[in-house]
């Protein structure tokens, strides 16, 4: 059971990293620090957008529209952190042998 929790923790960490990279890349593109005329940048940018969009979509339906400010990545990161805390507490209870 602990191994499954550790695998889930690694997956949560990977998704967190992907979301952070997507947000940073999106900011760099929107402020014209880098442009999407470069084929490599464009492929990475579209790949990250296609990969994170299914995560953002449920939060975008719930969150109010703030115009150009997108709070969905923040909500996803917050949710991932909450899941990580829950998994850590579950692992601690399993290792200590105390009931939930």
PDB file of N, CA and C in Angstrom:
ATOM      1  N   UNK A   1       0.820  -1.188   0.000  1.00  0.00           N
ATOM      2  CA  UNK A   1       0.000   0.000   0.000  1.00  0.00           C
ATOM      3  C   UNK A   1       0.868   1.258   0.000  1.00  0.00           C
ATOM      4  N   UNK A   2       1.975   1.217   0.751  1.00  0.00           N
ATOM      5  CA  UNK A   2       2.875   2.360   0.799  1.00  0.00           C
ATOM      6  C   UNK A   2       3.481   2.613  -0.575  1.00  0.00           C
ATOM      7  N   UNK A   3       3.783   1.562  -1.318  1.00  0.00           N
ATOM      8  CA  UNK A   3       4.356   1.710  -2.654  1.00  0.00           C
ATOM      9  C   UNK A   3       3.389   2.429  -3.579  1.00  0.00           C
ATOM     10  N   UNK A   4       2.120   2.107  -3.486  1.00  0.00           N
ATOM     11  CA  UNK A   4       1.112   2.779  -4.309  1.00  0.00           C
ATOM     12  C   UNK A   4       1.039   4.268  -3.956  1.00  0.00           C
ATOM     13  N   UNK A   5       1.104   4.572  -2.669  1.00  0.00           N
ATOM     14  CA  UNK A   5       1.079   5.974  -2.237  1.00  0.00           C
ATOM     15  C   UNK A   5       2.319   6.711  -2.752  1.00  0.00           C
ATOM     16  N   UNK A   6       3.472   6.049  -2.724  1.00  0.00           N
ATOM     17  CA  UNK A   6       4.689   6.676  -3.232  1.00  0.00           C
ATOM     18  C   UNK A   6       4.609   6.920  -4.738  1.00  0.00           C
ATOM     19  N   UNK A   7       4.034   5.978  -5.473  1.00  0.00           N
ATOM     20  CA  UNK A   7       3.859   6.159  -6.915  1.00  0.00           C
ATOM     21  C   UNK A   7       2.912   7.321  -7.185  1.00  0.00           C
ATOM     22  N   UNK A   8       1.842   7.420  -6.418  1.00  0.00           N
ATOM     23  CA  UNK A   8       0.916   8.539  -6.574  1.00  0.00           C
ATOM     24  C   UNK A   8       1.591   9.868  -6.249  1.00  0.00           C
ATOM     25  N   UNK A   9       2.458   9.868  -5.247  1.00  0.00           N
ATOM     26  CA  UNK A   9       3.198  11.085  -4.907  1.00  0.00           C
ATOM     27  C   UNK A   9       4.102  11.528  -6.063  1.00  0.00           C
ATOM     28  N   UNK A  10       4.766  10.575  -6.695  1.00  0.00           N
ATOM     29  CA  UNK A  10       5.622  10.896  -7.840  1.00  0.00           C
ATOM     30  C   UNK A  10       4.793  11.457  -8.985  1.00  0.00           C
ATOM     31  N   UNK A  11       3.633  10.872  -9.233  1.00  0.00           N
ATOM     32  CA  UNK A  11       2.749  11.375 -10.296  1.00  0.00           C
ATOM     33  C   UNK A  11       2.254  12.784  -9.975  1.00  0.00           C
ATOM     34  N   UNK A  12       1.900  13.031  -8.726  1.00  0.00           N
ATOM     35  CA  UNK A  12       1.466  14.376  -8.324  1.00  0.00           C
ATOM     36  C   UNK A  12       2.601  15.371  -8.514  1.00  0.00           C
ATOM     37  N   UNK A  13       3.824  14.980  -8.142  1.00  0.00           N
ATOM     38  CA  UNK A  13       4.976  15.867  -8.333  1.00  0.00           C
ATOM     39  C   UNK A  13       5.227  16.148  -9.813  1.00  0.00           C
ATOM     40  N   UNK A  14       5.079  15.137 -10.657  1.00  0.00           N
ATOM     41  CA  UNK A  14       5.291  15.321 -12.096  1.00  0.00           C
ATOM     42  C   UNK A  14       4.240  16.263 -12.690  1.00  0.00           C
ATOM     43  N   UNK A  15       2.984  16.079 -12.314  1.00  0.00           N
ATOM     44  CA  UNK A  15       1.921  16.944 -12.823  1.00  0.00           C
ATOM     45  C   UNK A  15       2.122  18.370 -12.320  1.00  0.00           C
ATOM     46  N   UNK A  16       2.545  18.526 -11.076  1.00  0.00           N
ATOM     47  CA  UNK A  16       2.823  19.856 -10.535  1.00  0.00           C
ATOM     48  C   UNK A  16       3.916  20.544 -11.346  1.00  0.00           C
ATOM     49  N   UNK A  17       4.975  19.829 -11.654  1.00  0.00           N
ATOM     50  CA  UNK A  17       6.058  20.386 -12.444  1.00  0.00           C
ATOM     51  C   UNK A  17       5.582  20.775 -13.845  1.00  0.00           C
ATOM     52  N   UNK A  18       4.774  19.942 -14.455  1.00  0.00           N
ATOM     53  CA  UNK A  18       4.245  20.240 -15.791  1.00  0.00           C
ATOM     54  C   UNK A  18       3.387  21.498 -15.767  1.00  0.00           C
ATOM     55  N   UNK A  19       2.542  21.642 -14.767  1.00  0.00           N
ATOM     56  CA  UNK A  19       1.688  22.832 -14.661  1.00  0.00           C
ATOM     57  C   UNK A  19       2.539  24.081 -14.469  1.00  0.00           C
ATOM     58  N   UNK A  20       3.564  24.016 -13.619  1.00  0.00           N
ATOM     59  CA  UNK A  20       4.422  25.174 -13.382  1.00  0.00           C
ATOM     60  C   UNK A  20       5.171  25.564 -14.659  1.00  0.00           C
ATOM     61  N   UNK A  21       5.699  24.588 -15.375  1.00  0.00           N
ATOM     62  CA  UNK A  21       6.408  24.867 -16.628  1.00  0.00           C
ATOM     63  C   UNK A  21       5.443  25.474 -17.646  1.00  0.00           C
ATOM     64  N   UNK A  22       4.219  24.962 -17.716  1.00  0.00           N
ATOM     65  CA  UNK A  22       3.239  25.499 -18.658  1.00  0.00           C
ATOM     66  C   UNK A  22       2.888  26.940 -18.331  1.00  0.00           C
ATOM     67  N   UNK A  23       2.725  27.256 -17.065  1.00  0.00           N
ATOM     68  CA  UNK A  23       2.403  28.629 -16.664  1.00  0.00           C
ATOM     69  C   UNK A  23       3.557  29.569 -17.004  1.00  0.00           C
ATOM     70  N   UNK A  24       4.773  29.166 -16.702  1.00  0.00           N
ATOM     71  CA  UNK A  24       5.937  30.008 -16.994  1.00  0.00           C
ATOM     72  C   UNK A  24       6.095  30.210 -18.499  1.00  0.00           C
ATOM     73  N   UNK A  25       5.948  29.137 -19.263  1.00  0.00           N
ATOM     74  CA  UNK A  25       6.066  29.249 -20.717  1.00  0.00           C
ATOM     75  C   UNK A  25       4.955  30.123 -21.288  1.00  0.00           C
ATOM     76  N   UNK A  26       3.761  30.002 -20.756  1.00  0.00           N
ATOM     77  CA  UNK A  26       2.645  30.819 -21.207  1.00  0.00           C
ATOM     78  C   UNK A  26       2.905  32.302 -20.927  1.00  0.00           C
ATOM     79  N   UNK A  27       3.458  32.607 -19.760  1.00  0.00           N
ATOM     80  CA  UNK A  27       3.797  33.996 -19.440  1.00  0.00           C
ATOM     81  C   UNK A  27       4.893  34.524 -20.361  1.00  0.00           C
ATOM     82  N   UNK A  28       5.903  33.710 -20.631  1.00  0.00           N
ATOM     83  CA  UNK A  28       6.976  34.140 -21.515  1.00  0.00           C
ATOM     84  C   UNK A  28       6.477  34.399 -22.925  1.00  0.00           C
ATOM     85  N   UNK A  29       5.546  33.583 -23.402  1.00  0.00           N
ATOM     86  CA  UNK A  29       4.978  33.791 -24.728  1.00  0.00           C
ATOM     87  C   UNK A  29       4.082  35.026 -24.746  1.00  0.00           C
ATOM     88  N   UNK A  30       3.265  35.210 -23.704  1.00  0.00           N
ATOM     89  CA  UNK A  30       2.344  36.344 -23.699  1.00  0.00           C
ATOM     90  C   UNK A  30       3.067  37.680 -23.568  1.00  0.00           C
ATOM     91  N   UNK A  31       4.244  37.715 -22.928  1.00  0.00           N
ATOM     92  CA  UNK A  31       5.018  38.943 -22.810  1.00  0.00           C
ATOM     93  C   UNK A  31       6.083  39.066 -23.901  1.00  0.00           C
ATOM     94  N   UNK A  32       6.001  38.229 -24.922  1.00  0.00           N
ATOM     95  CA  UNK A  32       6.908  38.249 -26.075  1.00  0.00           C
ATOM     96  C   UNK A  32       8.378  38.109 -25.696  1.00  0.00           C
ATOM     97  N   UNK A  33       8.662  37.411 -24.609  1.00  0.00           N
ATOM     98  CA  UNK A  33      10.046  37.106 -24.283  1.00  0.00           C
ATOM     99  C   UNK A  33      10.547  36.031 -25.237  1.00  0.00           C
ATOM    100  N   UNK A  34       9.705  35.052 -25.499  1.00  0.00           N
ATOM    101  CA  UNK A  34       9.969  34.063 -26.541  1.00  0.00           C
ATOM    102  C   UNK A  34       8.761  34.047 -27.461  1.00  0.00           C
ATOM    103  N   UNK A  35       8.972  33.671 -28.699  1.00  0.00           N
ATOM    104  CA  UNK A  35       7.849  33.645 -29.634  1.00  0.00           C
ATOM    105  C   UNK A  35       7.632  32.233 -30.156  1.00  0.00           C
ATOM    106  N   UNK A  36       6.467  32.026 -30.710  1.00  0.00           N
ATOM    107  CA  UNK A  36       6.100  30.694 -31.188  1.00  0.00           C
ATOM    108  C   UNK A  36       6.455  30.503 -32.654  1.00  0.00           C
ATOM    109  N   UNK A  37       7.255  31.407 -33.223  1.00  0.00           N
ATOM    110  CA  UNK A  37       7.725  31.203 -34.598  1.00  0.00           C
ATOM    111  C   UNK A  37       8.742  30.085 -34.659  1.00  0.00           C
ATOM    112  N   UNK A  38       9.429  29.857 -33.560  1.00  0.00           N
ATOM    113  CA  UNK A  38      10.372  28.751 -33.480  1.00  0.00           C
ATOM    114  C   UNK A  38       9.576  27.449 -33.365  1.00  0.00           C
ATOM    115  N   UNK A  39       9.902  26.492 -34.205  1.00  0.00           N
ATOM    116  CA  UNK A  39       9.154  25.227 -34.258  1.00  0.00           C
ATOM    117  C   UNK A  39       9.238  24.457 -32.941  1.00  0.00           C
ATOM    118  N   UNK A  40      10.399  24.450 -32.306  1.00  0.00           N
ATOM    119  CA  UNK A  40      10.566  23.718 -31.049  1.00  0.00           C
ATOM    120  C   UNK A  40       9.726  24.355 -29.951  1.00  0.00           C
ATOM    121  N   UNK A  41       9.788  25.680 -29.854  1.00  0.00           N
ATOM    122  CA  UNK A  41       9.006  26.387 -28.835  1.00  0.00           C
ATOM    123  C   UNK A  41       7.519  26.168 -29.067  1.00  0.00           C
ATOM    124  N   UNK A  42       7.092  26.252 -30.325  1.00  0.00           N
ATOM    125  CA  UNK A  42       5.683  26.071 -30.641  1.00  0.00           C
ATOM    126  C   UNK A  42       5.206  24.661 -30.297  1.00  0.00           C
ATOM    127  N   UNK A  43       6.013  23.656 -30.587  1.00  0.00           N
ATOM    128  CA  UNK A  43       5.595  22.282 -30.289  1.00  0.00           C
ATOM    129  C   UNK A  43       5.539  22.030 -28.788  1.00  0.00           C
ATOM    130  N   UNK A  44       6.510  22.565 -28.043  1.00  0.00           N
ATOM    131  CA  UNK A  44       6.483  22.410 -26.581  1.00  0.00           C
ATOM    132  C   UNK A  44       5.285  23.144 -25.998  1.00  0.00           C
ATOM    133  N   UNK A  45       5.052  24.367 -26.477  1.00  0.00           N
ATOM    134  CA  UNK A  45       3.945  25.188 -25.987  1.00  0.00           C
ATOM    135  C   UNK A  45       2.589  24.530 -26.252  1.00  0.00           C
ATOM    136  N   UNK A  46       2.372  24.063 -27.473  1.00  0.00           N
ATOM    137  CA  UNK A  46       1.086  23.421 -27.782  1.00  0.00           C
ATOM    138  C   UNK A  46       0.953  22.085 -27.056  1.00  0.00           C
ATOM    139  N   UNK A  47       2.060  21.347 -26.927  1.00  0.00           N
ATOM    140  CA  UNK A  47       2.000  20.075 -26.202  1.00  0.00           C
ATOM    141  C   UNK A  47       1.630  20.265 -24.743  1.00  0.00           C
ATOM    142  N   UNK A  48       2.238  21.261 -24.107  1.00  0.00           N
ATOM    143  CA  UNK A  48       1.901  21.540 -22.704  1.00  0.00           C
ATOM    144  C   UNK A  48       0.465  22.040 -22.566  1.00  0.00           C
ATOM    145  N   UNK A  49       0.025  22.866 -23.506  1.00  0.00           N
ATOM    146  CA  UNK A  49      -1.360  23.346 -23.447  1.00  0.00           C
ATOM    147  C   UNK A  49      -2.359  22.206 -23.617  1.00  0.00           C
ATOM    148  N   UNK A  50      -2.085  21.311 -24.560  1.00  0.00           N
ATOM    149  CA  UNK A  50      -2.988  20.168 -24.757  1.00  0.00           C
ATOM    150  C   UNK A  50      -2.951  19.212 -23.566  1.00  0.00           C
ATOM    151  N   UNK A  51      -1.810  19.107 -22.920  1.00  0.00           N
ATOM    152  CA  UNK A  51      -1.696  18.214 -21.773  1.00  0.00           C
ATOM    153  C   UNK A  51      -2.347  18.740 -20.509  1.00  0.00           C
ATOM    154  N   UNK A  52      -2.327  20.066 -20.334  1.00  0.00           N
ATOM    155  CA  UNK A  52      -2.882  20.639 -19.105  1.00  0.00           C
ATOM    156  C   UNK A  52      -4.330  21.079 -19.242  1.00  0.00           C
ATOM    157  N   UNK A  53      -4.803  21.238 -20.451  1.00  0.00           N
ATOM    158  CA  UNK A  53      -6.185  21.703 -20.641  1.00  0.00           C
ATOM    159  C   UNK A  53      -7.227  20.805 -19.970  1.00  0.00           C
ATOM    160  N   UNK A  54      -7.119  19.471 -20.046  1.00  0.00           N
ATOM    161  CA  UNK A  54      -8.104  18.643 -19.330  1.00  0.00           C
ATOM    162  C   UNK A  54      -8.092  18.849 -17.817  1.00  0.00           C
ATOM    163  N   UNK A  55      -6.949  19.233 -17.265  1.00  0.00           N
ATOM    164  CA  UNK A  55      -6.886  19.530 -15.830  1.00  0.00           C
ATOM    165  C   UNK A  55      -7.563  20.859 -15.510  1.00  0.00           C
ATOM    166  N   UNK A  56      -7.397  21.830 -16.394  1.00  0.00           N
ATOM    167  CA  UNK A  56      -7.925  23.170 -16.143  1.00  0.00           C
ATOM    168  C   UNK A  56      -9.423  23.278 -16.392  1.00  0.00           C
ATOM    169  N   UNK A  57      -9.934  22.512 -17.341  1.00  0.00           N
ATOM    170  CA  UNK A  57     -11.323  22.661 -17.780  1.00  0.00           C
ATOM    171  C   UNK A  57     -12.352  22.601 -16.650  1.00  0.00           C
ATOM    172  N   UNK A  58     -12.306  21.633 -15.725  1.00  0.00           N
ATOM    173  CA  UNK A  58     -13.311  21.616 -14.649  1.00  0.00           C
ATOM    174  C   UNK A  58     -13.236  22.850 -13.748  1.00  0.00           C
ATOM    175  N   UNK A  59     -12.028  23.339 -13.514  1.00  0.00           N
ATOM    176  CA  UNK A  59     -11.870  24.518 -12.658  1.00  0.00           C
ATOM    177  C   UNK A  59     -12.339  25.786 -13.359  1.00  0.00           C
ATOM    178  N   UNK A  60     -12.141  25.851 -14.670  1.00  0.00           N
ATOM    179  CA  UNK A  60     -12.600  27.022 -15.421  1.00  0.00           C
ATOM    180  C   UNK A  60     -14.120  27.115 -15.446  1.00  0.00           C
ATOM    181  N   UNK A  61     -14.782  25.967 -15.384  1.00  0.00           N
ATOM    182  CA  UNK A  61     -16.254  25.987 -15.320  1.00  0.00           C
ATOM    183  C   UNK A  61     -16.741  26.503 -13.982  1.00  0.00           C
ATOM    184  N   UNK A  62     -15.988  26.241 -12.919  1.00  0.00           N
ATOM    185  CA  UNK A  62     -16.407  26.621 -11.563  1.00  0.00           C
ATOM    186  C   UNK A  62     -15.989  28.048 -11.221  1.00  0.00           C
ATOM    187  N   UNK A  63     -14.759  28.407 -11.570  1.00  0.00           N
ATOM    188  CA  UNK A  63     -14.215  29.713 -11.193  1.00  0.00           C
ATOM    189  C   UNK A  63     -14.880  30.839 -11.980  1.00  0.00           C
ATOM    190  N   UNK A  64     -15.032  32.004 -11.356  1.00  0.00           N
ATOM    191  CA  UNK A  64     -15.586  33.144 -12.102  1.00  0.00           C
ATOM    192  C   UNK A  64     -14.588  33.646 -13.142  1.00  0.00           C
ATOM    193  N   UNK A  65     -15.098  34.356 -14.142  1.00  0.00           N
ATOM    194  CA  UNK A  65     -14.264  34.883 -15.213  1.00  0.00           C
ATOM    195  C   UNK A  65     -13.624  36.187 -14.756  1.00  0.00           C
ATOM    196  N   UNK A  66     -12.297  36.211 -14.727  1.00  0.00           N
ATOM    197  CA  UNK A  66     -11.569  37.411 -14.332  1.00  0.00           C
ATOM    198  C   UNK A  66     -10.918  38.080 -15.530  1.00  0.00           C
ATOM    199  N   UNK A  67     -11.463  37.875 -16.699  1.00  0.00           N
ATOM    200  CA  UNK A  67     -10.895  38.471 -17.906  1.00  0.00           C
ATOM    201  C   UNK A  67      -9.669  37.712 -18.350  1.00  0.00           C
ATOM    202  N   UNK A  68      -8.546  38.411 -18.418  1.00  0.00           N
ATOM    203  CA  UNK A  68      -7.327  37.782 -18.921  1.00  0.00           C
ATOM    204  C   UNK A  68      -6.568  37.008 -17.850  1.00  0.00           C
ATOM    205  N   UNK A  69      -7.019  37.072 -16.599  1.00  0.00           N
ATOM    206  CA  UNK A  69      -6.355  36.342 -15.518  1.00  0.00           C
ATOM    207  C   UNK A  69      -6.980  34.956 -15.402  1.00  0.00           C
ATOM    208  N   UNK A  70      -6.165  33.930 -15.542  1.00  0.00           N
ATOM    209  CA  UNK A  70      -6.641  32.550 -15.460  1.00  0.00           C
ATOM    210  C   UNK A  70      -6.179  31.960 -14.131  1.00  0.00           C
ATOM    211  N   UNK A  71      -7.131  31.686 -13.257  1.00  0.00           N
ATOM    212  CA  UNK A  71      -6.808  31.123 -11.950  1.00  0.00           C
ATOM    213  C   UNK A  71      -6.863  29.597 -11.923  1.00  0.00           C
ATOM    214  N   UNK A  72      -7.172  28.972 -13.050  1.00  0.00           N
ATOM    215  CA  UNK A  72      -7.268  27.514 -13.093  1.00  0.00           C
ATOM    216  C   UNK A  72      -5.941  26.828 -12.734  1.00  0.00           C
ATOM    217  N   UNK A  73      -4.781  27.295 -13.225  1.00  0.00           N
ATOM    218  CA  UNK A  73      -3.530  26.636 -12.810  1.00  0.00           C
ATOM    219  C   UNK A  73      -3.299  26.716 -11.305  1.00  0.00           C
ATOM    220  N   UNK A  74      -3.626  27.852 -10.702  1.00  0.00           N
ATOM    221  CA  UNK A  74      -3.494  27.981  -9.247  1.00  0.00           C
ATOM    222  C   UNK A  74      -4.407  26.982  -8.534  1.00  0.00           C
ATOM    223  N   UNK A  75      -5.645  26.846  -9.021  1.00  0.00           N
ATOM    224  CA  UNK A  75      -6.584  25.903  -8.412  1.00  0.00           C
ATOM    225  C   UNK A  75      -6.102  24.465  -8.574  1.00  0.00           C
ATOM    226  N   UNK A  76      -5.523  24.141  -9.716  1.00  0.00           N
ATOM    227  CA  UNK A  76      -4.985  22.796  -9.937  1.00  0.00           C
ATOM    228  C   UNK A  76      -3.817  22.532  -8.986  1.00  0.00           C
ATOM    229  N   UNK A  77      -2.914  23.503  -8.859  1.00  0.00           N
ATOM    230  CA  UNK A  77      -1.778  23.327  -7.954  1.00  0.00           C
ATOM    231  C   UNK A  77      -2.234  23.194  -6.506  1.00  0.00           C
ATOM    232  N   UNK A  78      -3.227  23.959  -6.123  1.00  0.00           N
ATOM    233  CA  UNK A  78      -3.772  23.860  -4.767  1.00  0.00           C
ATOM    234  C   UNK A  78      -4.397  22.485  -4.527  1.00  0.00           C
ATOM    235  N   UNK A  79      -5.143  21.995  -5.500  1.00  0.00           N
ATOM    236  CA  UNK A  79      -5.763  20.675  -5.385  1.00  0.00           C
ATOM    237  C   UNK A  79      -4.710  19.573  -5.307  1.00  0.00           C
ATOM    238  N   UNK A  80      -3.673  19.693  -6.118  1.00  0.00           N
ATOM    239  CA  UNK A  80      -2.591  18.697  -6.070  1.00  0.00           C
ATOM    240  C   UNK A  80      -1.890  18.706  -4.721  1.00  0.00           C
ATOM    241  N   UNK A  81      -1.698  19.884  -4.157  1.00  0.00           N
ATOM    242  CA  UNK A  81      -1.059  19.980  -2.832  1.00  0.00           C
ATOM    243  C   UNK A  81      -1.936  19.344  -1.756  1.00  0.00           C
ATOM    244  N   UNK A  82      -3.242  19.587  -1.837  1.00  0.00           N
ATOM    245  CA  UNK A  82      -4.172  18.982  -0.874  1.00  0.00           C
ATOM    246  C   UNK A  82      -4.140  17.463  -0.998  1.00  0.00           C
ATOM    247  N   UNK A  83      -4.133  16.946  -2.220  1.00  0.00           N
ATOM    248  CA  UNK A  83      -4.035  15.493  -2.422  1.00  0.00           C
ATOM    249  C   UNK A  83      -2.730  14.941  -1.865  1.00  0.00           C
ATOM    250  N   UNK A  84      -1.661  15.684  -2.025  1.00  0.00           N
ATOM    251  CA  UNK A  84      -0.370  15.243  -1.488  1.00  0.00           C
ATOM    252  C   UNK A  84      -0.405  15.174   0.033  1.00  0.00           C
ATOM    253  N   UNK A  85      -1.025  16.143   0.677  1.00  0.00           N
ATOM    254  CA  UNK A  85      -1.145  16.123   2.142  1.00  0.00           C
ATOM    255  C   UNK A  85      -1.983  14.936   2.596  1.00  0.00           C
ATOM    256  N   UNK A  86      -3.070  14.681   1.901  1.00  0.00           N
ATOM    257  CA  UNK A  86      -3.929  13.551   2.255  1.00  0.00           C
ATOM    258  C   UNK A  86      -3.158  12.237   2.121  1.00  0.00           C
ATOM    259  N   UNK A  87      -2.408  12.085   1.027  1.00  0.00           N
ATOM    260  CA  UNK A  87      -1.622  10.859   0.844  1.00  0.00           C
ATOM    261  C   UNK A  87      -0.538  10.716   1.905  1.00  0.00           C
ATOM    262  N   UNK A  88       0.114  11.819   2.271  1.00  0.00           N
ATOM    263  CA  UNK A  88       1.131  11.755   3.329  1.00  0.00           C
ATOM    264  C   UNK A  88       0.524  11.335   4.658  1.00  0.00           C
ATOM    265  N   UNK A  89      -0.626  11.878   4.996  1.00  0.00           N
ATOM    266  CA  UNK A  89      -1.288  11.494   6.245  1.00  0.00           C
ATOM    267  C   UNK A  89      -1.734  10.035   6.210  1.00  0.00           C
ATOM    268  N   UNK A  90      -2.220   9.594   5.065  1.00  0.00           N
ATOM    269  CA  UNK A  90      -2.616   8.188   4.913  1.00  0.00           C
ATOM    270  C   UNK A  90      -1.410   7.276   5.098  1.00  0.00           C
ATOM    271  N   UNK A  91      -0.298   7.633   4.518  1.00  0.00           N
ATOM    272  CA  UNK A  91       0.919   6.818   4.661  1.00  0.00           C
ATOM    273  C   UNK A  91       1.384   6.812   6.119  1.00  0.00           C
ATOM    274  N   UNK A  92       1.293   7.943   6.800  1.00  0.00           N
ATOM    275  CA  UNK A  92       1.707   7.994   8.199  1.00  0.00           C
ATOM    276  C   UNK A  92       0.819   7.108   9.060  1.00  0.00           C
ATOM    277  N   UNK A  93      -0.473   7.100   8.782  1.00  0.00           N
ATOM    278  CA  UNK A  93      -1.391   6.243   9.555  1.00  0.00           C
ATOM    279  C   UNK A  93      -1.122   4.767   9.267  1.00  0.00           C
ATOM    280  N   UNK A  94      -0.825   4.452   8.038  1.00  0.00           N
ATOM    281  CA  UNK A  94      -0.551   3.053   7.704  1.00  0.00           C
ATOM    282  C   UNK A  94       0.740   2.592   8.385  1.00  0.00           C
ATOM    283  N   UNK A  95       1.762   3.422   8.350  1.00  0.00           N
ATOM    284  CA  UNK A  95       3.045   3.040   8.944  1.00  0.00           C
ATOM    285  C   UNK A  95       2.971   2.955  10.472  1.00  0.00           C
ATOM    286  N   UNK A  96       2.185   3.841  11.088  1.00  0.00           N
ATOM    287  CA  UNK A  96       2.109   3.828  12.549  1.00  0.00           C
ATOM    288  C   UNK A  96       1.133   2.763  13.054  1.00  0.00           C
ATOM    289  N   UNK A  97       0.254   2.299  12.194  1.00  0.00           N
ATOM    290  CA  UNK A  97      -0.705   1.286  12.597  1.00  0.00           C
ATOM    291  C   UNK A  97      -1.925   1.834  13.325  1.00  0.00           C
ATOM    292  N   UNK A  98      -2.053   3.138  13.389  1.00  0.00           N
ATOM    293  CA  UNK A  98      -3.230   3.740  14.061  1.00  0.00           C
ATOM    294  C   UNK A  98      -4.398   3.766  13.095  1.00  0.00           C
ATOM    295  N   UNK A  99      -5.612   3.633  13.636  1.00  0.00           N
ATOM    296  CA  UNK A  99      -6.771   3.672  12.740  1.00  0.00           C
ATOM    297  C   UNK A  99      -7.017   5.087  12.215  1.00  0.00           C
ATOM    298  N   UNK A 100      -7.675   5.144  11.077  1.00  0.00           N
ATOM    299  CA  UNK A 100      -7.999   6.455  10.496  1.00  0.00           C
ATOM    300  C   UNK A 100      -9.095   7.061  11.284  1.00  0.00           C
TER     301      UNK A 100
END
